[in-house]
Amino acid sequence: MQVNFRGSSGYGKDFLNAGDREWGAKMHDDLWDAINHLVAQGIVDGERVAIYGGSYGGYAALIGATFTPDVFMCAISMVGPPNLTTLHRVVPRVREAGHCDVAHPSW
């Protein structure tokens, strides 16, 4: 399943902005909701759930493995930032150097 958690783009500005400052918080709850729905439908075995993602999804995988290891039996992070303080400090410099065209409203 690919979860369109709050903060995902393509669903309007309010939905995108609902993810501001919710990394590892309400956005993680959205993943829980999706898992619980699939388990309740009998689609997923709740004892064998893995999480994979890139960028924020990679961060979500790290959060899942760290904070809810009883839920996620396997986690794969592709370029997920392991430290938000470092990310916050580095991203503005990357943008200034012209390596990024998009500014995220919460940075």
PDB file of N, CA and C in Angstrom:
ATOM      1  N   MET A   1       0.843  -1.160   0.000  1.00  0.00           N
ATOM      2  CA  MET A   1       0.000   0.000   0.000  1.00  0.00           C
ATOM      3  C   MET A   1       0.898   1.236   0.000  1.00  0.00           C
ATOM      4  N   GLN A   2       0.531   2.219  -0.734  1.00  0.00           N
ATOM      5  CA  GLN A   2       1.207   3.508  -0.707  1.00  0.00           C
ATOM      6  C   GLN A   2       0.270   4.489  -0.019  1.00  0.00           C
ATOM      7  N   VAL A   3       0.666   4.934   1.149  1.00  0.00           N
ATOM      8  CA  VAL A   3      -0.193   5.787   1.962  1.00  0.00           C
ATOM      9  C   VAL A   3      -0.028   7.248   1.548  1.00  0.00           C
ATOM     10  N   ASN A   4      -1.131   7.908   1.282  1.00  0.00           N
ATOM     11  CA  ASN A   4      -1.120   9.347   1.027  1.00  0.00           C
ATOM     12  C   ASN A   4      -1.394  10.043   2.357  1.00  0.00           C
ATOM     13  N   PHE A   5      -0.375  10.050   3.186  1.00  0.00           N
ATOM     14  CA  PHE A   5      -0.477  10.652   4.516  1.00  0.00           C
ATOM     15  C   PHE A   5      -0.511  12.163   4.391  1.00  0.00           C
ATOM     16  N   ARG A   6      -0.996  12.815   5.448  1.00  0.00           N
ATOM     17  CA  ARG A   6      -1.018  14.285   5.429  1.00  0.00           C
ATOM     18  C   ARG A   6       0.383  14.779   5.088  1.00  0.00           C
ATOM     19  N   GLY A   7       0.451  15.811   4.317  1.00  0.00           N
ATOM     20  CA  GLY A   7       1.732  16.317   3.846  1.00  0.00           C
ATOM     21  C   GLY A   7       2.059  15.851   2.435  1.00  0.00           C
ATOM     22  N   SER A   8       1.305  14.865   1.925  1.00  0.00           N
ATOM     23  CA  SER A   8       1.512  14.411   0.545  1.00  0.00           C
ATOM     24  C   SER A   8       1.059  15.501  -0.414  1.00  0.00           C
ATOM     25  N   SER A   9       1.748  15.618  -1.530  1.00  0.00           N
ATOM     26  CA  SER A   9       1.368  16.616  -2.524  1.00  0.00           C
ATOM     27  C   SER A   9       0.321  16.044  -3.469  1.00  0.00           C
ATOM     28  N   GLY A  10      -0.366  16.940  -4.164  1.00  0.00           N
ATOM     29  CA  GLY A  10      -1.357  16.536  -5.143  1.00  0.00           C
ATOM     30  C   GLY A  10      -2.780  16.515  -4.616  1.00  0.00           C
ATOM     31  N   TYR A  11      -2.974  16.889  -3.352  1.00  0.00           N
ATOM     32  CA  TYR A  11      -4.311  16.851  -2.749  1.00  0.00           C
ATOM     33  C   TYR A  11      -4.732  18.214  -2.220  1.00  0.00           C
ATOM     34  N   GLY A  12      -4.066  19.230  -2.659  1.00  0.00           N
ATOM     35  CA  GLY A  12      -4.398  20.586  -2.248  1.00  0.00           C
ATOM     36  C   GLY A  12      -3.472  21.105  -1.156  1.00  0.00           C
ATOM     37  N   LYS A  13      -3.475  22.421  -1.051  1.00  0.00           N
ATOM     38  CA  LYS A  13      -2.571  23.102  -0.120  1.00  0.00           C
ATOM     39  C   LYS A  13      -2.865  22.764   1.341  1.00  0.00           C
ATOM     40  N   ASP A  14      -4.141  22.676   1.706  1.00  0.00           N
ATOM     41  CA  ASP A  14      -4.484  22.361   3.097  1.00  0.00           C
ATOM     42  C   ASP A  14      -3.957  20.990   3.500  1.00  0.00           C
ATOM     43  N   PHE A  15      -4.106  20.005   2.598  1.00  0.00           N
ATOM     44  CA  PHE A  15      -3.623  18.650   2.887  1.00  0.00           C
ATOM     45  C   PHE A  15      -2.101  18.641   2.988  1.00  0.00           C
ATOM     46  N   LEU A  16      -1.444  19.353   2.076  1.00  0.00           N
ATOM     47  CA  LEU A  16       0.013  19.454   2.114  1.00  0.00           C
ATOM     48  C   LEU A  16       0.477  20.098   3.414  1.00  0.00           C
ATOM     49  N   ASN A  17      -0.141  21.212   3.777  1.00  0.00           N
ATOM     50  CA  ASN A  17       0.266  21.931   4.984  1.00  0.00           C
ATOM     51  C   ASN A  17      -0.099  21.197   6.272  1.00  0.00           C
ATOM     52  N   ALA A  18      -1.033  20.258   6.202  1.00  0.00           N
ATOM     53  CA  ALA A  18      -1.391  19.470   7.389  1.00  0.00           C
ATOM     54  C   ALA A  18      -0.216  18.633   7.875  1.00  0.00           C
ATOM     55  N   GLY A  19       0.801  18.451   7.025  1.00  0.00           N
ATOM     56  CA  GLY A  19       1.983  17.694   7.411  1.00  0.00           C
ATOM     57  C   GLY A  19       3.067  18.532   8.060  1.00  0.00           C
ATOM     58  N   ASP A  20       2.906  19.847   8.062  1.00  0.00           N
ATOM     59  CA  ASP A  20       3.925  20.707   8.670  1.00  0.00           C
ATOM     60  C   ASP A  20       4.113  20.360  10.143  1.00  0.00           C
ATOM     61  N   ARG A  21       5.350  20.120  10.513  1.00  0.00           N
ATOM     62  CA  ARG A  21       5.737  19.795  11.886  1.00  0.00           C
ATOM     63  C   ARG A  21       5.068  18.530  12.423  1.00  0.00           C
ATOM     64  N   GLU A  22       4.677  17.644  11.506  1.00  0.00           N
ATOM     65  CA  GLU A  22       4.037  16.391  11.907  1.00  0.00           C
ATOM     66  C   GLU A  22       4.856  15.165  11.516  1.00  0.00           C
ATOM     67  N   TRP A  23       6.106  15.369  11.106  1.00  0.00           N
ATOM     68  CA  TRP A  23       6.971  14.243  10.784  1.00  0.00           C
ATOM     69  C   TRP A  23       7.120  13.385  12.034  1.00  0.00           C
ATOM     70  N   GLY A  24       6.846  12.114  11.915  1.00  0.00           N
ATOM     71  CA  GLY A  24       6.994  11.203  13.047  1.00  0.00           C
ATOM     72  C   GLY A  24       5.889  11.353  14.083  1.00  0.00           C
ATOM     73  N   ALA A  25       4.907  12.172  13.824  1.00  0.00           N
ATOM     74  CA  ALA A  25       3.803  12.388  14.769  1.00  0.00           C
ATOM     75  C   ALA A  25       2.502  11.983  14.063  1.00  0.00           C
ATOM     76  N   LYS A  26       1.667  12.953  13.697  1.00  0.00           N
ATOM     77  CA  LYS A  26       0.393  12.627  13.045  1.00  0.00           C
ATOM     78  C   LYS A  26       0.593  11.920  11.711  1.00  0.00           C
ATOM     79  N   MET A  27       1.707  12.210  11.036  1.00  0.00           N
ATOM     80  CA  MET A  27       1.969  11.524   9.773  1.00  0.00           C
ATOM     81  C   MET A  27       2.237  10.035  10.031  1.00  0.00           C
ATOM     82  N   HIS A  28       2.855   9.723  11.163  1.00  0.00           N
ATOM     83  CA  HIS A  28       3.060   8.316  11.532  1.00  0.00           C
ATOM     84  C   HIS A  28       1.713   7.678  11.886  1.00  0.00           C
ATOM     85  N   ASP A  29       0.848   8.448  12.524  1.00  0.00           N
ATOM     86  CA  ASP A  29      -0.499   7.952  12.834  1.00  0.00           C
ATOM     87  C   ASP A  29      -1.244   7.569  11.561  1.00  0.00           C
ATOM     88  N   ASP A  30      -1.030   8.325  10.475  1.00  0.00           N
ATOM     89  CA  ASP A  30      -1.672   8.006   9.204  1.00  0.00           C
ATOM     90  C   ASP A  30      -1.236   6.625   8.710  1.00  0.00           C
ATOM     91  N   LEU A  31       0.050   6.299   8.916  1.00  0.00           N
ATOM     92  CA  LEU A  31       0.542   4.975   8.529  1.00  0.00           C
ATOM     93  C   LEU A  31      -0.115   3.889   9.379  1.00  0.00           C
ATOM     94  N   TRP A  32      -0.230   4.148  10.669  1.00  0.00           N
ATOM     95  CA  TRP A  32      -0.903   3.216  11.585  1.00  0.00           C
ATOM     96  C   TRP A  32      -2.334   2.978  11.127  1.00  0.00           C
ATOM     97  N   ASP A  33      -3.039   4.054  10.797  1.00  0.00           N
ATOM     98  CA  ASP A  33      -4.426   3.932  10.347  1.00  0.00           C
ATOM     99  C   ASP A  33      -4.525   3.033   9.117  1.00  0.00           C
ATOM    100  N   ALA A  34      -3.607   3.202   8.175  1.00  0.00           N
ATOM    101  CA  ALA A  34      -3.613   2.394   6.959  1.00  0.00           C
ATOM    102  C   ALA A  34      -3.362   0.924   7.284  1.00  0.00           C
ATOM    103  N   ILE A  35      -2.396   0.663   8.149  1.00  0.00           N
ATOM    104  CA  ILE A  35      -2.103  -0.720   8.543  1.00  0.00           C
ATOM    105  C   ILE A  35      -3.299  -1.345   9.243  1.00  0.00           C
ATOM    106  N   ASN A  36      -3.870  -0.619  10.189  1.00  0.00           N
ATOM    107  CA  ASN A  36      -5.025  -1.145  10.927  1.00  0.00           C
ATOM    108  C   ASN A  36      -6.194  -1.446   9.992  1.00  0.00           C
ATOM    109  N   HIS A  37      -6.395  -0.604   8.991  1.00  0.00           N
ATOM    110  CA  HIS A  37      -7.457  -0.832   8.013  1.00  0.00           C
ATOM    111  C   HIS A  37      -7.198  -2.121   7.229  1.00  0.00           C
ATOM    112  N   LEU A  38      -5.980  -2.304   6.765  1.00  0.00           N
ATOM    113  CA  LEU A  38      -5.655  -3.500   5.983  1.00  0.00           C
ATOM    114  C   LEU A  38      -5.743  -4.765   6.826  1.00  0.00           C
ATOM    115  N   VAL A  39      -5.317  -4.693   8.069  1.00  0.00           N
ATOM    116  CA  VAL A  39      -5.413  -5.850   8.969  1.00  0.00           C
ATOM    117  C   VAL A  39      -6.884  -6.182   9.223  1.00  0.00           C
ATOM    118  N   ALA A  40      -7.699  -5.163   9.495  1.00  0.00           N
ATOM    119  CA  ALA A  40      -9.128  -5.382   9.754  1.00  0.00           C
ATOM    120  C   ALA A  40      -9.836  -5.991   8.542  1.00  0.00           C
ATOM    121  N   GLN A  41      -9.379  -5.665   7.337  1.00  0.00           N
ATOM    122  CA  GLN A  41      -9.973  -6.208   6.114  1.00  0.00           C
ATOM    123  C   GLN A  41      -9.466  -7.617   5.806  1.00  0.00           C
ATOM    124  N   GLY A  42      -8.460  -8.071   6.573  1.00  0.00           N
ATOM    125  CA  GLY A  42      -7.881  -9.387   6.330  1.00  0.00           C
ATOM    126  C   GLY A  42      -6.917  -9.413   5.157  1.00  0.00           C
ATOM    127  N   ILE A  43      -6.501  -8.247   4.701  1.00  0.00           N
ATOM    128  CA  ILE A  43      -5.600  -8.146   3.550  1.00  0.00           C
ATOM    129  C   ILE A  43      -4.145  -8.341   3.974  1.00  0.00           C
ATOM    130  N   VAL A  44      -3.822  -7.894   5.182  1.00  0.00           N
ATOM    131  CA  VAL A  44      -2.444  -7.930   5.683  1.00  0.00           C
ATOM    132  C   VAL A  44      -2.391  -8.713   6.985  1.00  0.00           C
ATOM    133  N   ASP A  45      -1.355  -9.503   7.134  1.00  0.00           N
ATOM    134  CA  ASP A  45      -1.077 -10.192   8.392  1.00  0.00           C
ATOM    135  C   ASP A  45      -0.376  -9.193   9.300  1.00  0.00           C
ATOM    136  N   GLY A  46      -1.019  -8.780  10.367  1.00  0.00           N
ATOM    137  CA  GLY A  46      -0.466  -7.778  11.279  1.00  0.00           C
ATOM    138  C   GLY A  46       0.847  -8.171  11.924  1.00  0.00           C
ATOM    139  N   GLU A  47       1.221  -9.443  11.832  1.00  0.00           N
ATOM    140  CA  GLU A  47       2.494  -9.908  12.387  1.00  0.00           C
ATOM    141  C   GLU A  47       3.631  -9.837  11.376  1.00  0.00           C
ATOM    142  N   ARG A  48       3.316  -9.461  10.130  1.00  0.00           N
ATOM    143  CA  ARG A  48       4.332  -9.463   9.070  1.00  0.00           C
ATOM    144  C   ARG A  48       4.262  -8.196   8.238  1.00  0.00           C
ATOM    145  N   VAL A  49       4.385  -7.054   8.872  1.00  0.00           N
ATOM    146  CA  VAL A  49       4.288  -5.764   8.187  1.00  0.00           C
ATOM    147  C   VAL A  49       5.692  -5.188   8.010  1.00  0.00           C
ATOM    148  N   ALA A  50       5.985  -4.753   6.802  1.00  0.00           N
ATOM    149  CA  ALA A  50       7.246  -4.081   6.504  1.00  0.00           C
ATOM    150  C   ALA A  50       6.940  -2.659   6.059  1.00  0.00           C
ATOM    151  N   ILE A  51       7.920  -1.794   6.179  1.00  0.00           N
ATOM    152  CA  ILE A  51       7.766  -0.411   5.737  1.00  0.00           C
ATOM    153  C   ILE A  51       8.990  -0.033   4.902  1.00  0.00           C
ATOM    154  N   TYR A  52       8.725   0.641   3.797  1.00  0.00           N
ATOM    155  CA  TYR A  52       9.785   1.068   2.888  1.00  0.00           C
ATOM    156  C   TYR A  52       9.436   2.461   2.383  1.00  0.00           C
ATOM    157  N   GLY A  53      10.434   3.299   2.260  1.00  0.00           N
ATOM    158  CA  GLY A  53      10.178   4.605   1.682  1.00  0.00           C
ATOM    159  C   GLY A  53      11.449   5.366   1.395  1.00  0.00           C
ATOM    160  N   GLY A  54      11.290   6.391   0.568  1.00  0.00           N
ATOM    161  CA  GLY A  54      12.391   7.279   0.235  1.00  0.00           C
ATOM    162  C   GLY A  54      12.050   8.697   0.660  1.00  0.00           C
ATOM    163  N   SER A  55      13.074   9.464   0.995  1.00  0.00           N
ATOM    164  CA  SER A  55      12.913  10.834   1.462  1.00  0.00           C
ATOM    165  C   SER A  55      12.093  10.815   2.750  1.00  0.00           C
ATOM    166  N   TYR A  56      10.918  11.513   2.792  1.00  0.00           N
ATOM    167  CA  TYR A  56      10.140  11.435   4.027  1.00  0.00           C
ATOM    168  C   TYR A  56       9.746   9.987   4.327  1.00  0.00           C
ATOM    169  N   GLY A  57       9.437   9.216   3.288  1.00  0.00           N
ATOM    170  CA  GLY A  57       9.088   7.810   3.496  1.00  0.00           C
ATOM    171  C   GLY A  57      10.220   7.031   4.131  1.00  0.00           C
ATOM    172  N   GLY A  58      11.459   7.398   3.800  1.00  0.00           N
ATOM    173  CA  GLY A  58      12.618   6.778   4.440  1.00  0.00           C
ATOM    174  C   GLY A  58      12.702   7.159   5.904  1.00  0.00           C
ATOM    175  N   TYR A  59      12.391   8.425   6.193  1.00  0.00           N
ATOM    176  CA  TYR A  59      12.336   8.871   7.584  1.00  0.00           C
ATOM    177  C   TYR A  59      11.232   8.109   8.315  1.00  0.00           C
ATOM    178  N   ALA A  60      10.082   7.947   7.662  1.00  0.00           N
ATOM    179  CA  ALA A  60       8.976   7.205   8.268  1.00  0.00           C
ATOM    180  C   ALA A  60       9.375   5.762   8.561  1.00  0.00           C
ATOM    181  N   ALA A  61      10.165   5.171   7.667  1.00  0.00           N
ATOM    182  CA  ALA A  61      10.640   3.800   7.907  1.00  0.00           C
ATOM    183  C   ALA A  61      11.546   3.754   9.136  1.00  0.00           C
ATOM    184  N   LEU A  62      12.428   4.748   9.265  1.00  0.00           N
ATOM    185  CA  LEU A  62      13.298   4.805  10.447  1.00  0.00           C
ATOM    186  C   LEU A  62      12.484   5.001  11.723  1.00  0.00           C
ATOM    187  N   ILE A  63      11.487   5.883  11.670  1.00  0.00           N
ATOM    188  CA  ILE A  63      10.607   6.115  12.824  1.00  0.00           C
ATOM    189  C   ILE A  63       9.855   4.831  13.166  1.00  0.00           C
ATOM    190  N   GLY A  64       9.350   4.162  12.132  1.00  0.00           N
ATOM    191  CA  GLY A  64       8.612   2.920  12.356  1.00  0.00           C
ATOM    192  C   GLY A  64       9.454   1.868  13.045  1.00  0.00           C
ATOM    193  N   ALA A  65      10.687   1.708  12.582  1.00  0.00           N
ATOM    194  CA  ALA A  65      11.579   0.715  13.183  1.00  0.00           C
ATOM    195  C   ALA A  65      11.990   1.100  14.596  1.00  0.00           C
ATOM    196  N   THR A  66      12.121   2.397  14.840  1.00  0.00           N
ATOM    197  CA  THR A  66      12.597   2.875  16.136  1.00  0.00           C
ATOM    198  C   THR A  66      11.492   2.956  17.182  1.00  0.00           C
ATOM    199  N   PHE A  67      10.381   3.581  16.814  1.00  0.00           N
ATOM    200  CA  PHE A  67       9.321   3.852  17.792  1.00  0.00           C
ATOM    201  C   PHE A  67       8.261   2.755  17.865  1.00  0.00           C
ATOM    202  N   THR A  68       8.077   2.015  16.778  1.00  0.00           N
ATOM    203  CA  THR A  68       7.045   0.978  16.767  1.00  0.00           C
ATOM    204  C   THR A  68       7.593  -0.332  16.186  1.00  0.00           C
ATOM    205  N   PRO A  69       8.659  -0.869  16.786  1.00  0.00           N
ATOM    206  CA  PRO A  69       9.250  -2.102  16.246  1.00  0.00           C
ATOM    207  C   PRO A  69       8.319  -3.307  16.376  1.00  0.00           C
ATOM    208  N   ASP A  70       7.323  -3.219  17.251  1.00  0.00           N
ATOM    209  CA  ASP A  70       6.359  -4.311  17.372  1.00  0.00           C
ATOM    210  C   ASP A  70       5.378  -4.328  16.206  1.00  0.00           C
ATOM    211  N   VAL A  71       5.297  -3.231  15.458  1.00  0.00           N
ATOM    212  CA  VAL A  71       4.406  -3.147  14.297  1.00  0.00           C
ATOM    213  C   VAL A  71       5.155  -3.507  13.022  1.00  0.00           C
ATOM    214  N   PHE A  72       6.356  -2.954  12.860  1.00  0.00           N
ATOM    215  CA  PHE A  72       7.115  -3.142  11.622  1.00  0.00           C
ATOM    216  C   PHE A  72       8.226  -4.163  11.837  1.00  0.00           C
ATOM    217  N   MET A  73       8.083  -5.310  11.166  1.00  0.00           N
ATOM    218  CA  MET A  73       9.065  -6.372  11.298  1.00  0.00           C
ATOM    219  C   MET A  73      10.279  -6.137  10.411  1.00  0.00           C
ATOM    220  N   CYS A  74      10.141  -5.237   9.450  1.00  0.00           N
ATOM    221  CA  CYS A  74      11.227  -4.914   8.533  1.00  0.00           C
ATOM    222  C   CYS A  74      11.061  -3.457   8.115  1.00  0.00           C
ATOM    223  N   ALA A  75      12.168  -2.740   8.041  1.00  0.00           N
ATOM    224  CA  ALA A  75      12.117  -1.345   7.613  1.00  0.00           C
ATOM    225  C   ALA A  75      13.272  -1.067   6.665  1.00  0.00           C
ATOM    226  N   ILE A  76      12.960  -0.429   5.541  1.00  0.00           N
ATOM    227  CA  ILE A  76      13.971  -0.071   4.551  1.00  0.00           C
ATOM    228  C   ILE A  76      13.846   1.421   4.285  1.00  0.00           C
ATOM    229  N   SER A  77      14.925   2.143   4.542  1.00  0.00           N
ATOM    230  CA  SER A  77      14.941   3.586   4.343  1.00  0.00           C
ATOM    231  C   SER A  77      15.849   3.925   3.172  1.00  0.00           C
ATOM    232  N   MET A  78      15.280   4.566   2.159  1.00  0.00           N
ATOM    233  CA  MET A  78      16.068   5.027   1.027  1.00  0.00           C
ATOM    234  C   MET A  78      16.190   6.547   1.158  1.00  0.00           C
ATOM    235  N   VAL A  79      17.348   7.028   1.422  1.00  0.00           N
ATOM    236  CA  VAL A  79      17.690   8.434   1.619  1.00  0.00           C
ATOM    237  C   VAL A  79      16.801   9.128   2.656  1.00  0.00           C
ATOM    238  N   GLY A  80      16.388   8.384   3.658  1.00  0.00           N
ATOM    239  CA  GLY A  80      15.610   8.988   4.739  1.00  0.00           C
ATOM    240  C   GLY A  80      16.531   9.721   5.695  1.00  0.00           C
ATOM    241  N   PRO A  81      16.226  10.963   6.039  1.00  0.00           N
ATOM    242  CA  PRO A  81      17.091  11.707   6.957  1.00  0.00           C
ATOM    243  C   PRO A  81      16.987  11.140   8.377  1.00  0.00           C
ATOM    244  N   PRO A  82      18.101  10.692   8.953  1.00  0.00           N
ATOM    245  CA  PRO A  82      18.052  10.124  10.295  1.00  0.00           C
ATOM    246  C   PRO A  82      18.042  11.170  11.402  1.00  0.00           C
ATOM    247  N   ASN A  83      18.333  12.413  11.073  1.00  0.00           N
ATOM    248  CA  ASN A  83      18.420  13.453  12.094  1.00  0.00           C
ATOM    249  C   ASN A  83      17.804  14.739  11.535  1.00  0.00           C
ATOM    250  N   LEU A  84      16.661  15.142  12.071  1.00  0.00           N
ATOM    251  CA  LEU A  84      15.967  16.327  11.543  1.00  0.00           C
ATOM    252  C   LEU A  84      16.701  17.624  11.858  1.00  0.00           C
ATOM    253  N   THR A  85      17.435  17.644  12.959  1.00  0.00           N
ATOM    254  CA  THR A  85      18.214  18.842  13.290  1.00  0.00           C
ATOM    255  C   THR A  85      19.275  19.076  12.219  1.00  0.00           C
ATOM    256  N   THR A  86      19.969  18.020  11.842  1.00  0.00           N
ATOM    257  CA  THR A  86      20.979  18.132  10.784  1.00  0.00           C
ATOM    258  C   THR A  86      20.323  18.497   9.460  1.00  0.00           C
ATOM    259  N   LEU A  87      19.201  17.873   9.139  1.00  0.00           N
ATOM    260  CA  LEU A  87      18.490  18.192   7.900  1.00  0.00           C
ATOM    261  C   LEU A  87      18.108  19.665   7.865  1.00  0.00           C
ATOM    262  N   HIS A  88      17.562  20.145   8.944  1.00  0.00           N
ATOM    263  CA  HIS A  88      17.139  21.542   9.027  1.00  0.00           C
ATOM    264  C   HIS A  88      18.326  22.496   8.841  1.00  0.00           C
ATOM    265  N   ARG A  89      19.472  22.104   9.358  1.00  0.00           N
ATOM    266  CA  ARG A  89      20.673  22.941   9.258  1.00  0.00           C
ATOM    267  C   ARG A  89      21.272  22.893   7.853  1.00  0.00           C
ATOM    268  N   VAL A  90      21.202  21.744   7.186  1.00  0.00           N
ATOM    269  CA  VAL A  90      21.865  21.555   5.899  1.00  0.00           C
ATOM    270  C   VAL A  90      21.007  22.015   4.719  1.00  0.00           C
ATOM    271  N   VAL A  91      19.702  21.790   4.761  1.00  0.00           N
ATOM    272  CA  VAL A  91      18.850  22.074   3.606  1.00  0.00           C
ATOM    273  C   VAL A  91      18.938  23.519   3.131  1.00  0.00           C
ATOM    274  N   PRO A  92      18.886  24.523   4.005  1.00  0.00           N
ATOM    275  CA  PRO A  92      19.001  25.893   3.477  1.00  0.00           C
ATOM    276  C   PRO A  92      20.299  26.131   2.710  1.00  0.00           C
ATOM    277  N   ARG A  93      21.410  25.534   3.152  1.00  0.00           N
ATOM    278  CA  ARG A  93      22.678  25.703   2.434  1.00  0.00           C
ATOM    279  C   ARG A  93      22.625  25.027   1.078  1.00  0.00           C
ATOM    280  N   VAL A  94      21.960  23.880   0.983  1.00  0.00           N
ATOM    281  CA  VAL A  94      21.834  23.187  -0.297  1.00  0.00           C
ATOM    282  C   VAL A  94      21.014  24.042  -1.256  1.00  0.00           C
ATOM    283  N   ARG A  95      19.921  24.631  -0.764  1.00  0.00           N
ATOM    284  CA  ARG A  95      19.101  25.496  -1.608  1.00  0.00           C
ATOM    285  C   ARG A  95      19.890  26.713  -2.080  1.00  0.00           C
ATOM    286  N   GLU A  96      20.663  27.316  -1.178  1.00  0.00           N
ATOM    287  CA  GLU A  96      21.451  28.494  -1.541  1.00  0.00           C
ATOM    288  C   GLU A  96      22.456  28.172  -2.632  1.00  0.00           C
ATOM    289  N   ALA A  97      22.963  26.950  -2.623  1.00  0.00           N
ATOM    290  CA  ALA A  97      23.951  26.549  -3.618  1.00  0.00           C
ATOM    291  C   ALA A  97      23.302  26.213  -4.960  1.00  0.00           C
ATOM    292  N   GLY A  98      21.970  26.282  -5.022  1.00  0.00           N
ATOM    293  CA  GLY A  98      21.270  26.031  -6.269  1.00  0.00           C
ATOM    294  C   GLY A  98      21.008  24.566  -6.574  1.00  0.00           C
ATOM    295  N   HIS A  99      21.096  23.692  -5.551  1.00  0.00           N
ATOM    296  CA  HIS A  99      20.875  22.274  -5.768  1.00  0.00           C
ATOM    297  C   HIS A  99      19.425  21.862  -5.573  1.00  0.00           C
ATOM    298  N   CYS A 100      18.582  22.768  -5.179  1.00  0.00           N
ATOM    299  CA  CYS A 100      17.185  22.422  -4.916  1.00  0.00           C
ATOM    300  C   CYS A 100      16.304  23.582  -5.369  1.00  0.00           C
ATOM    301  N   ASP A 101      15.263  23.268  -6.130  1.00  0.00           N
ATOM    302  CA  ASP A 101      14.390  24.309  -6.642  1.00  0.00           C
ATOM    303  C   ASP A 101      13.184  24.570  -5.748  1.00  0.00           C
ATOM    304  N   VAL A 102      12.837  23.610  -4.886  1.00  0.00           N
ATOM    305  CA  VAL A 102      11.596  23.685  -4.147  1.00  0.00           C
ATOM    306  C   VAL A 102      11.884  23.932  -2.673  1.00  0.00           C
ATOM    307  N   ALA A 103      11.224  24.897  -2.114  1.00  0.00           N
ATOM    308  CA  ALA A 103      11.334  25.158  -0.674  1.00  0.00           C
ATOM    309  C   ALA A 103      10.113  24.579   0.012  1.00  0.00           C
ATOM    310  N   HIS A 104      10.330  23.821   1.065  1.00  0.00           N
ATOM    311  CA  HIS A 104       9.224  23.260   1.836  1.00  0.00           C
ATOM    312  C   HIS A 104       8.800  24.280   2.865  1.00  0.00           C
ATOM    313  N   PRO A 105       7.495  24.526   3.023  1.00  0.00           N
ATOM    314  CA  PRO A 105       7.030  25.594   3.908  1.00  0.00           C
ATOM    315  C   PRO A 105       7.418  25.419   5.375  1.00  0.00           C
ATOM    316  N   SER A 106       7.706  24.187   5.817  1.00  0.00           N
ATOM    317  CA  SER A 106       8.029  24.004   7.226  1.00  0.00           C
ATOM    318  C   SER A 106       9.520  24.114   7.506  1.00  0.00           C
ATOM    319  N   TRP A 107      10.363  24.304   6.453  1.00  0.00           N
ATOM    320  CA  TRP A 107      11.806  24.386   6.679  1.00  0.00           C
ATOM    321  C   TRP A 107      12.227  25.790   6.903  1.00  0.00           C
TER     322      TRP A 107
END
